[in-house]
Amino acid sequence: MFDLGEQDVHTYDAVVEVTGATTSELSDRLDRDRSNVNRSLKRLRETGLVTRGRRLLDEGGHVYQYYVNNETSEDPVSHAIDRWRSEALDAVAPE
């Protein structure tokens, strides 16, 4: 429904468990390469399930921290079902 794979779901679960975690922390927790975790986080952000914030580092620069998106004004599952229904109706509509 969200076009998410098994690894994306595991990543989402890790964000739920360790709110505010960085990519590196999630990578260690999931025992996966950071680039793979980043891809999952990107898909989760695109679906609106996860957001990210920036934390400034004392030594300069920043890291991104990831959070479950609780600010969604619309239920993401309902939104995904509505989107799927609309696409299905468009696909079967006469041209």
PDB file of N, CA and C in Angstrom:
ATOM      1  N   MET A   1       0.813  -1.177   0.000  1.00  0.00           N
ATOM      2  CA  MET A   1       0.000   0.000   0.000  1.00  0.00           C
ATOM      3  C   MET A   1       0.869   1.258   0.000  1.00  0.00           C
ATOM      4  N   PHE A   2       1.921   1.278   0.784  1.00  0.00           N
ATOM      5  CA  PHE A   2       2.819   2.426   0.819  1.00  0.00           C
ATOM      6  C   PHE A   2       4.022   2.225  -0.086  1.00  0.00           C
ATOM      7  N   ASP A   3       4.080   1.114  -0.808  1.00  0.00           N
ATOM      8  CA  ASP A   3       5.245   0.755  -1.607  1.00  0.00           C
ATOM      9  C   ASP A   3       6.488   0.635  -0.738  1.00  0.00           C
ATOM     10  N   LEU A   4       6.327   0.093   0.448  1.00  0.00           N
ATOM     11  CA  LEU A   4       7.438  -0.108   1.363  1.00  0.00           C
ATOM     12  C   LEU A   4       7.794  -1.582   1.405  1.00  0.00           C
ATOM     13  N   GLY A   5       9.097  -1.835   1.481  1.00  0.00           N
ATOM     14  CA  GLY A   5       9.571  -3.200   1.584  1.00  0.00           C
ATOM     15  C   GLY A   5       9.788  -3.602   3.042  1.00  0.00           C
ATOM     16  N   GLU A   6      10.205  -4.827   3.218  1.00  0.00           N
ATOM     17  CA  GLU A   6      10.434  -5.359   4.564  1.00  0.00           C
ATOM     18  C   GLU A   6      11.480  -4.545   5.322  1.00  0.00           C
ATOM     19  N   GLN A   7      12.556  -4.151   4.628  1.00  0.00           N
ATOM     20  CA  GLN A   7      13.605  -3.368   5.289  1.00  0.00           C
ATOM     21  C   GLN A   7      13.089  -1.998   5.713  1.00  0.00           C
ATOM     22  N   ASP A   8      12.189  -1.419   4.916  1.00  0.00           N
ATOM     23  CA  ASP A   8      11.601  -0.125   5.263  1.00  0.00           C
ATOM     24  C   ASP A   8      10.776  -0.253   6.548  1.00  0.00           C
ATOM     25  N   VAL A   9      10.042  -1.349   6.657  1.00  0.00           N
ATOM     26  CA  VAL A   9       9.221  -1.576   7.845  1.00  0.00           C
ATOM     27  C   VAL A   9      10.113  -1.758   9.074  1.00  0.00           C
ATOM     28  N   HIS A  10      11.211  -2.493   8.920  1.00  0.00           N
ATOM     29  CA  HIS A  10      12.152  -2.660  10.034  1.00  0.00           C
ATOM     30  C   HIS A  10      12.743  -1.313  10.439  1.00  0.00           C
ATOM     31  N   THR A  11      13.042  -0.484   9.454  1.00  0.00           N
ATOM     32  CA  THR A  11      13.586   0.844   9.732  1.00  0.00           C
ATOM     33  C   THR A  11      12.555   1.685  10.471  1.00  0.00           C
ATOM     34  N   TYR A  12      11.310   1.634  10.026  1.00  0.00           N
ATOM     35  CA  TYR A  12      10.241   2.372  10.709  1.00  0.00           C
ATOM     36  C   TYR A  12      10.131   1.922  12.167  1.00  0.00           C
ATOM     37  N   ASP A  13      10.137   0.615  12.387  1.00  0.00           N
ATOM     38  CA  ASP A  13      10.058   0.088  13.757  1.00  0.00           C
ATOM     39  C   ASP A  13      11.215   0.603  14.609  1.00  0.00           C
ATOM     40  N   ALA A  14      12.404   0.689  14.023  1.00  0.00           N
ATOM     41  CA  ALA A  14      13.572   1.193  14.757  1.00  0.00           C
ATOM     42  C   ALA A  14      13.403   2.667  15.105  1.00  0.00           C
ATOM     43  N   VAL A  15      12.828   3.446  14.192  1.00  0.00           N
ATOM     44  CA  VAL A  15      12.582   4.868  14.476  1.00  0.00           C
ATOM     45  C   VAL A  15      11.564   5.000  15.611  1.00  0.00           C
ATOM     46  N   VAL A  16      10.567   4.129  15.633  1.00  0.00           N
ATOM     47  CA  VAL A  16       9.573   4.147  16.708  1.00  0.00           C
ATOM     48  C   VAL A  16      10.255   3.843  18.043  1.00  0.00           C
ATOM     49  N   GLU A  17      11.140   2.855  18.047  1.00  0.00           N
ATOM     50  CA  GLU A  17      11.800   2.424  19.279  1.00  0.00           C
ATOM     51  C   GLU A  17      12.833   3.432  19.774  1.00  0.00           C
ATOM     52  N   VAL A  18      13.549   4.077  18.864  1.00  0.00           N
ATOM     53  CA  VAL A  18      14.627   4.996  19.235  1.00  0.00           C
ATOM     54  C   VAL A  18      14.354   6.343  18.568  1.00  0.00           C
ATOM     55  N   THR A  19      13.381   7.050  19.079  1.00  0.00           N
ATOM     56  CA  THR A  19      13.014   8.318  18.476  1.00  0.00           C
ATOM     57  C   THR A  19      14.179   9.308  18.574  1.00  0.00           C
ATOM     58  N   GLY A  20      14.391  10.025  17.500  1.00  0.00           N
ATOM     59  CA  GLY A  20      15.493  10.978  17.457  1.00  0.00           C
ATOM     60  C   GLY A  20      16.832  10.359  17.096  1.00  0.00           C
ATOM     61  N   ALA A  21      16.810   9.121  16.624  1.00  0.00           N
ATOM     62  CA  ALA A  21      18.060   8.440  16.260  1.00  0.00           C
ATOM     63  C   ALA A  21      18.611   8.999  14.954  1.00  0.00           C
ATOM     64  N   THR A  22      19.916   8.935  14.814  1.00  0.00           N
ATOM     65  CA  THR A  22      20.583   9.333  13.576  1.00  0.00           C
ATOM     66  C   THR A  22      20.665   8.124  12.645  1.00  0.00           C
ATOM     67  N   THR A  23      21.049   8.383  11.411  1.00  0.00           N
ATOM     68  CA  THR A  23      21.218   7.293  10.445  1.00  0.00           C
ATOM     69  C   THR A  23      22.241   6.287  10.952  1.00  0.00           C
ATOM     70  N   SER A  24      23.323   6.793  11.506  1.00  0.00           N
ATOM     71  CA  SER A  24      24.373   5.917  12.019  1.00  0.00           C
ATOM     72  C   SER A  24      23.855   5.037  13.160  1.00  0.00           C
ATOM     73  N   GLU A  25      23.093   5.631  14.074  1.00  0.00           N
ATOM     74  CA  GLU A  25      22.532   4.867  15.188  1.00  0.00           C
ATOM     75  C   GLU A  25      21.540   3.822  14.694  1.00  0.00           C
ATOM     76  N   LEU A  26      20.709   4.198  13.724  1.00  0.00           N
ATOM     77  CA  LEU A  26      19.762   3.232  13.159  1.00  0.00           C
ATOM     78  C   LEU A  26      20.491   2.125  12.419  1.00  0.00           C
ATOM     79  N   SER A  27      21.553   2.484  11.713  1.00  0.00           N
ATOM     80  CA  SER A  27      22.344   1.505  10.981  1.00  0.00           C
ATOM     81  C   SER A  27      22.931   0.468  11.936  1.00  0.00           C
ATOM     82  N   ASP A  28      23.478   0.935  13.053  1.00  0.00           N
ATOM     83  CA  ASP A  28      24.037   0.013  14.053  1.00  0.00           C
ATOM     84  C   ASP A  28      22.951  -0.874  14.643  1.00  0.00           C
ATOM     85  N   ARG A  29      21.817  -0.283  14.943  1.00  0.00           N
ATOM     86  CA  ARG A  29      20.713  -1.032  15.555  1.00  0.00           C
ATOM     87  C   ARG A  29      20.174  -2.107  14.616  1.00  0.00           C
ATOM     88  N   LEU A  30      20.103  -1.767  13.327  1.00  0.00           N
ATOM     89  CA  LEU A  30      19.543  -2.687  12.337  1.00  0.00           C
ATOM     90  C   LEU A  30      20.589  -3.611  11.724  1.00  0.00           C
ATOM     91  N   ASP A  31      21.866  -3.349  12.025  1.00  0.00           N
ATOM     92  CA  ASP A  31      22.980  -4.109  11.450  1.00  0.00           C
ATOM     93  C   ASP A  31      22.911  -4.087   9.919  1.00  0.00           C
ATOM     94  N   ARG A  32      22.731  -2.853   9.400  1.00  0.00           N
ATOM     95  CA  ARG A  32      22.677  -2.635   7.954  1.00  0.00           C
ATOM     96  C   ARG A  32      23.573  -1.468   7.591  1.00  0.00           C
ATOM     97  N   ASP A  33      23.966  -1.419   6.344  1.00  0.00           N
ATOM     98  CA  ASP A  33      24.777  -0.329   5.820  1.00  0.00           C
ATOM     99  C   ASP A  33      23.993   0.983   5.891  1.00  0.00           C
ATOM    100  N   ARG A  34      24.706   2.095   6.189  1.00  0.00           N
ATOM    101  CA  ARG A  34      24.028   3.392   6.309  1.00  0.00           C
ATOM    102  C   ARG A  34      23.318   3.804   5.021  1.00  0.00           C
ATOM    103  N   SER A  35      23.907   3.485   3.866  1.00  0.00           N
ATOM    104  CA  SER A  35      23.259   3.875   2.605  1.00  0.00           C
ATOM    105  C   SER A  35      21.914   3.168   2.440  1.00  0.00           C
ATOM    106  N   ASN A  36      21.832   1.913   2.861  1.00  0.00           N
ATOM    107  CA  ASN A  36      20.559   1.186   2.795  1.00  0.00           C
ATOM    108  C   ASN A  36      19.538   1.772   3.768  1.00  0.00           C
ATOM    109  N   VAL A  37      19.994   2.133   4.955  1.00  0.00           N
ATOM    110  CA  VAL A  37      19.107   2.753   5.936  1.00  0.00           C
ATOM    111  C   VAL A  37      18.623   4.098   5.406  1.00  0.00           C
ATOM    112  N   ASN A  38      19.526   4.861   4.778  1.00  0.00           N
ATOM    113  CA  ASN A  38      19.140   6.155   4.200  1.00  0.00           C
ATOM    114  C   ASN A  38      18.063   5.998   3.135  1.00  0.00           C
ATOM    115  N   ARG A  39      18.170   4.963   2.304  1.00  0.00           N
ATOM    116  CA  ARG A  39      17.144   4.729   1.275  1.00  0.00           C
ATOM    117  C   ARG A  39      15.789   4.442   1.919  1.00  0.00           C
ATOM    118  N   SER A  40      15.804   3.621   2.964  1.00  0.00           N
ATOM    119  CA  SER A  40      14.555   3.329   3.667  1.00  0.00           C
ATOM    120  C   SER A  40      13.985   4.590   4.305  1.00  0.00           C
ATOM    121  N   LEU A  41      14.846   5.389   4.916  1.00  0.00           N
ATOM    122  CA  LEU A  41      14.377   6.628   5.546  1.00  0.00           C
ATOM    123  C   LEU A  41      13.798   7.588   4.516  1.00  0.00           C
ATOM    124  N   LYS A  42      14.395   7.627   3.343  1.00  0.00           N
ATOM    125  CA  LYS A  42      13.876   8.497   2.282  1.00  0.00           C
ATOM    126  C   LYS A  42      12.467   8.062   1.879  1.00  0.00           C
ATOM    127  N   ARG A  43      12.270   6.750   1.690  1.00  0.00           N
ATOM    128  CA  ARG A  43      10.937   6.248   1.331  1.00  0.00           C
ATOM    129  C   ARG A  43       9.926   6.543   2.446  1.00  0.00           C
ATOM    130  N   LEU A  44      10.356   6.374   3.694  1.00  0.00           N
ATOM    131  CA  LEU A  44       9.458   6.641   4.818  1.00  0.00           C
ATOM    132  C   LEU A  44       9.102   8.118   4.913  1.00  0.00           C
ATOM    133  N   ARG A  45      10.056   8.991   4.608  1.00  0.00           N
ATOM    134  CA  ARG A  45       9.768  10.431   4.601  1.00  0.00           C
ATOM    135  C   ARG A  45       8.828  10.779   3.456  1.00  0.00           C
ATOM    136  N   GLU A  46       9.018  10.146   2.298  1.00  0.00           N
ATOM    137  CA  GLU A  46       8.159  10.410   1.138  1.00  0.00           C
ATOM    138  C   GLU A  46       6.715  10.008   1.407  1.00  0.00           C
ATOM    139  N   THR A  47       6.508   8.979   2.194  1.00  0.00           N
ATOM    140  CA  THR A  47       5.144   8.546   2.522  1.00  0.00           C
ATOM    141  C   THR A  47       4.549   9.362   3.660  1.00  0.00           C
ATOM    142  N   GLY A  48       5.372  10.167   4.318  1.00  0.00           N
ATOM    143  CA  GLY A  48       4.893  10.984   5.425  1.00  0.00           C
ATOM    144  C   GLY A  48       4.875  10.275   6.760  1.00  0.00           C
ATOM    145  N   LEU A  49       5.456   9.083   6.822  1.00  0.00           N
ATOM    146  CA  LEU A  49       5.467   8.329   8.075  1.00  0.00           C
ATOM    147  C   LEU A  49       6.568   8.783   9.020  1.00  0.00           C
ATOM    148  N   VAL A  50       7.633   9.337   8.467  1.00  0.00           N
ATOM    149  CA  VAL A  50       8.798   9.745   9.264  1.00  0.00           C
ATOM    150  C   VAL A  50       9.184  11.167   8.862  1.00  0.00           C
ATOM    151  N   THR A  51       9.625  11.942   9.839  1.00  0.00           N
ATOM    152  CA  THR A  51      10.171  13.271   9.577  1.00  0.00           C
ATOM    153  C   THR A  51      11.604  13.300  10.090  1.00  0.00           C
ATOM    154  N   ARG A  52      12.334  14.334   9.689  1.00  0.00           N
ATOM    155  CA  ARG A  52      13.689  14.454  10.209  1.00  0.00           C
ATOM    156  C   ARG A  52      13.927  15.879  10.692  1.00  0.00           C
ATOM    157  N   GLY A  53      14.802  15.964  11.664  1.00  0.00           N
ATOM    158  CA  GLY A  53      15.211  17.250  12.200  1.00  0.00           C
ATOM    159  C   GLY A  53      16.724  17.308  12.185  1.00  0.00           C
ATOM    160  N   ARG A  54      17.252  18.507  12.319  1.00  0.00           N
ATOM    161  CA  ARG A  54      18.694  18.687  12.304  1.00  0.00           C
ATOM    162  C   ARG A  54      19.188  18.993  13.708  1.00  0.00           C
ATOM    163  N   ARG A  55      20.272  18.333  14.085  1.00  0.00           N
ATOM    164  CA  ARG A  55      20.931  18.611  15.357  1.00  0.00           C
ATOM    165  C   ARG A  55      22.309  19.156  15.046  1.00  0.00           C
ATOM    166  N   LEU A  56      22.589  20.354  15.563  1.00  0.00           N
ATOM    167  CA  LEU A  56      23.910  20.948  15.364  1.00  0.00           C
ATOM    168  C   LEU A  56      24.921  20.261  16.265  1.00  0.00           C
ATOM    169  N   LEU A  57      26.102  20.028  15.724  1.00  0.00           N
ATOM    170  CA  LEU A  57      27.174  19.395  16.480  1.00  0.00           C
ATOM    171  C   LEU A  57      28.071  20.459  17.097  1.00  0.00           C
ATOM    172  N   ASP A  58      28.586  20.189  18.288  1.00  0.00           N
ATOM    173  CA  ASP A  58      29.469  21.139  18.966  1.00  0.00           C
ATOM    174  C   ASP A  58      30.711  21.441  18.143  1.00  0.00           C
ATOM    175  N   GLU A  59      31.210  20.436  17.451  1.00  0.00           N
ATOM    176  CA  GLU A  59      32.430  20.608  16.668  1.00  0.00           C
ATOM    177  C   GLU A  59      32.164  21.196  15.281  1.00  0.00           C
ATOM    178  N   GLY A  60      30.925  21.534  15.023  1.00  0.00           N
ATOM    179  CA  GLY A  60      30.536  22.104  13.730  1.00  0.00           C
ATOM    180  C   GLY A  60      29.794  21.090  12.893  1.00  0.00           C
ATOM    181  N   GLY A  61      28.984  21.560  11.995  1.00  0.00           N
ATOM    182  CA  GLY A  61      28.200  20.673  11.140  1.00  0.00           C
ATOM    183  C   GLY A  61      26.909  20.257  11.821  1.00  0.00           C
ATOM    184  N   HIS A  62      26.275  19.259  11.254  1.00  0.00           N
ATOM    185  CA  HIS A  62      25.010  18.777  11.801  1.00  0.00           C
ATOM    186  C   HIS A  62      24.791  17.314  11.423  1.00  0.00           C
ATOM    187  N   VAL A  63      23.852  16.701  12.106  1.00  0.00           N
ATOM    188  CA  VAL A  63      23.380  15.356  11.763  1.00  0.00           C
ATOM    189  C   VAL A  63      21.855  15.423  11.731  1.00  0.00           C
ATOM    190  N   TYR A  64      21.257  14.533  10.964  1.00  0.00           N
ATOM    191  CA  TYR A  64      19.804  14.440  10.923  1.00  0.00           C
ATOM    192  C   TYR A  64      19.350  13.402  11.941  1.00  0.00           C
ATOM    193  N   GLN A  65      18.250  13.730  12.607  1.00  0.00           N
ATOM    194  CA  GLN A  65      17.612  12.805  13.525  1.00  0.00           C
ATOM    195  C   GLN A  65      16.217  12.507  12.981  1.00  0.00           C
ATOM    196  N   TYR A  66      15.740  11.297  13.194  1.00  0.00           N
ATOM    197  CA  TYR A  66      14.480  10.852  12.595  1.00  0.00           C
ATOM    198  C   TYR A  66      13.431  10.575  13.666  1.00  0.00           C
ATOM    199  N   TYR A  67      12.203  10.956  13.315  1.00  0.00           N
ATOM    200  CA  TYR A  67      11.064  10.858  14.230  1.00  0.00           C
ATOM    201  C   TYR A  67       9.853  10.319  13.479  1.00  0.00           C
ATOM    202  N   VAL A  68       8.988   9.625  14.201  1.00  0.00           N
ATOM    203  CA  VAL A  68       7.706   9.209  13.638  1.00  0.00           C
ATOM    204  C   VAL A  68       6.873  10.476  13.479  1.00  0.00           C
ATOM    205  N   ASN A  69       6.219  10.607  12.355  1.00  0.00           N
ATOM    206  CA  ASN A  69       5.431  11.803  12.071  1.00  0.00           C
ATOM    207  C   ASN A  69       4.086  11.708  12.774  1.00  0.00           C
ATOM    208  N   ASN A  70       3.972  12.389  13.907  1.00  0.00           N
ATOM    209  CA  ASN A  70       2.710  12.431  14.651  1.00  0.00           C
ATOM    210  C   ASN A  70       1.902  13.668  14.314  1.00  0.00           C
ATOM    211  N   GLU A  71       2.440  14.520  13.453  1.00  0.00           N
ATOM    212  CA  GLU A  71       1.775  15.775  13.134  1.00  0.00           C
ATOM    213  C   GLU A  71       0.923  15.687  11.880  1.00  0.00           C
ATOM    214  N   THR A  72       0.789  14.506  11.323  1.00  0.00           N
ATOM    215  CA  THR A  72       0.010  14.351  10.108  1.00  0.00           C
ATOM    216  C   THR A  72      -1.450  14.648  10.418  1.00  0.00           C
ATOM    217  N   SER A  73      -2.008  15.579   9.671  1.00  0.00           N
ATOM    218  CA  SER A  73      -3.397  15.947   9.911  1.00  0.00           C
ATOM    219  C   SER A  73      -4.354  14.884   9.390  1.00  0.00           C
ATOM    220  N   GLU A  74      -3.857  13.999   8.560  1.00  0.00           N
ATOM    221  CA  GLU A  74      -4.690  12.976   7.953  1.00  0.00           C
ATOM    222  C   GLU A  74      -4.074  11.616   8.263  1.00  0.00           C
ATOM    223  N   ASP A  75      -4.908  10.635   8.521  1.00  0.00           N
ATOM    224  CA  ASP A  75      -4.427   9.282   8.776  1.00  0.00           C
ATOM    225  C   ASP A  75      -3.707   8.767   7.541  1.00  0.00           C
ATOM    226  N   PRO A  76      -2.406   8.393   7.651  1.00  0.00           N
ATOM    227  CA  PRO A  76      -1.659   7.979   6.464  1.00  0.00           C
ATOM    228  C   PRO A  76      -2.213   6.721   5.793  1.00  0.00           C
ATOM    229  N   VAL A  77      -2.798   5.815   6.565  1.00  0.00           N
ATOM    230  CA  VAL A  77      -3.361   4.606   5.969  1.00  0.00           C
ATOM    231  C   VAL A  77      -4.590   4.973   5.145  1.00  0.00           C
ATOM    232  N   SER A  78      -5.449   5.821   5.683  1.00  0.00           N
ATOM    233  CA  SER A  78      -6.628   6.257   4.932  1.00  0.00           C
ATOM    234  C   SER A  78      -6.223   6.993   3.667  1.00  0.00           C
ATOM    235  N   HIS A  79      -5.206   7.833   3.787  1.00  0.00           N
ATOM    236  CA  HIS A  79      -4.709   8.576   2.624  1.00  0.00           C
ATOM    237  C   HIS A  79      -4.190   7.613   1.549  1.00  0.00           C
ATOM    238  N   ALA A  80      -3.444   6.595   1.963  1.00  0.00           N
ATOM    239  CA  ALA A  80      -2.905   5.629   1.004  1.00  0.00           C
ATOM    240  C   ALA A  80      -4.027   4.840   0.334  1.00  0.00           C
ATOM    241  N   ILE A  81      -5.039   4.457   1.095  1.00  0.00           N
ATOM    242  CA  ILE A  81      -6.174   3.716   0.516  1.00  0.00           C
ATOM    243  C   ILE A  81      -6.926   4.597  -0.470  1.00  0.00           C
ATOM    244  N   ASP A  82      -7.158   5.846  -0.104  1.00  0.00           N
ATOM    245  CA  ASP A  82      -7.840   6.776  -1.013  1.00  0.00           C
ATOM    246  C   ASP A  82      -7.043   6.970  -2.301  1.00  0.00           C
ATOM    247  N   ARG A  83      -5.725   7.103  -2.168  1.00  0.00           N
ATOM    248  CA  ARG A  83      -4.866   7.281  -3.341  1.00  0.00           C
ATOM    249  C   ARG A  83      -4.920   6.031  -4.232  1.00  0.00           C
ATOM    250  N   TRP A  84      -4.856   4.845  -3.606  1.00  0.00           N
ATOM    251  CA  TRP A  84      -4.913   3.598  -4.363  1.00  0.00           C
ATOM    252  C   TRP A  84      -6.262   3.483  -5.075  1.00  0.00           C
ATOM    253  N   ARG A  85      -7.352   3.809  -4.371  1.00  0.00           N
ATOM    254  CA  ARG A  85      -8.691   3.726  -4.956  1.00  0.00           C
ATOM    255  C   ARG A  85      -8.797   4.666  -6.159  1.00  0.00           C
ATOM    256  N   SER A  86      -8.288   5.870  -6.004  1.00  0.00           N
ATOM    257  CA  SER A  86      -8.342   6.847  -7.090  1.00  0.00           C
ATOM    258  C   SER A  86      -7.555   6.361  -8.306  1.00  0.00           C
ATOM    259  N   GLU A  87      -6.370   5.818  -8.062  1.00  0.00           N
ATOM    260  CA  GLU A  87      -5.551   5.307  -9.167  1.00  0.00           C
ATOM    261  C   GLU A  87      -6.217   4.109  -9.828  1.00  0.00           C
ATOM    262  N   ALA A  88      -6.857   3.258  -9.030  1.00  0.00           N
ATOM    263  CA  ALA A  88      -7.543   2.088  -9.596  1.00  0.00           C
ATOM    264  C   ALA A  88      -8.720   2.512 -10.454  1.00  0.00           C
ATOM    265  N   LEU A  89      -9.487   3.477  -9.981  1.00  0.00           N
ATOM    266  CA  LEU A  89     -10.627   3.961 -10.759  1.00  0.00           C
ATOM    267  C   LEU A  89     -10.169   4.639 -12.046  1.00  0.00           C
ATOM    268  N   ASP A  90      -9.073   5.385 -11.970  1.00  0.00           N
ATOM    269  CA  ASP A  90      -8.521   6.026 -13.172  1.00  0.00           C
ATOM    270  C   ASP A  90      -8.050   4.976 -14.183  1.00  0.00           C
ATOM    271  N   ALA A  91      -7.509   3.879 -13.684  1.00  0.00           N
ATOM    272  CA  ALA A  91      -6.984   2.836 -14.572  1.00  0.00           C
ATOM    273  C   ALA A  91      -8.099   2.101 -15.313  1.00  0.00           C
ATOM    274  N   VAL A  92      -9.258   1.965 -14.686  1.00  0.00           N
ATOM    275  CA  VAL A  92     -10.345   1.214 -15.319  1.00  0.00           C
ATOM    276  C   VAL A  92     -11.359   2.117 -16.019  1.00  0.00           C
ATOM    277  N   ALA A  93     -11.214   3.411 -15.859  1.00  0.00           N
ATOM    278  CA  ALA A  93     -12.131   4.360 -16.499  1.00  0.00           C
ATOM    279  C   ALA A  93     -11.946   4.306 -18.015  1.00  0.00           C
ATOM    280  N   PRO A  94     -13.034   4.422 -18.756  1.00  0.00           N
ATOM    281  CA  PRO A  94     -12.908   4.424 -20.214  1.00  0.00           C
ATOM    282  C   PRO A  94     -12.145   5.658 -20.683  1.00  0.00           C
ATOM    283  N   GLU A  95     -11.355   5.468 -21.715  1.00  0.00           N
ATOM    284  CA  GLU A  95     -10.541   6.567 -22.209  1.00  0.00           C
ATOM    285  C   GLU A  95     -11.283   7.410 -23.210  1.00  0.00           C
TER     286      GLU A  95
END
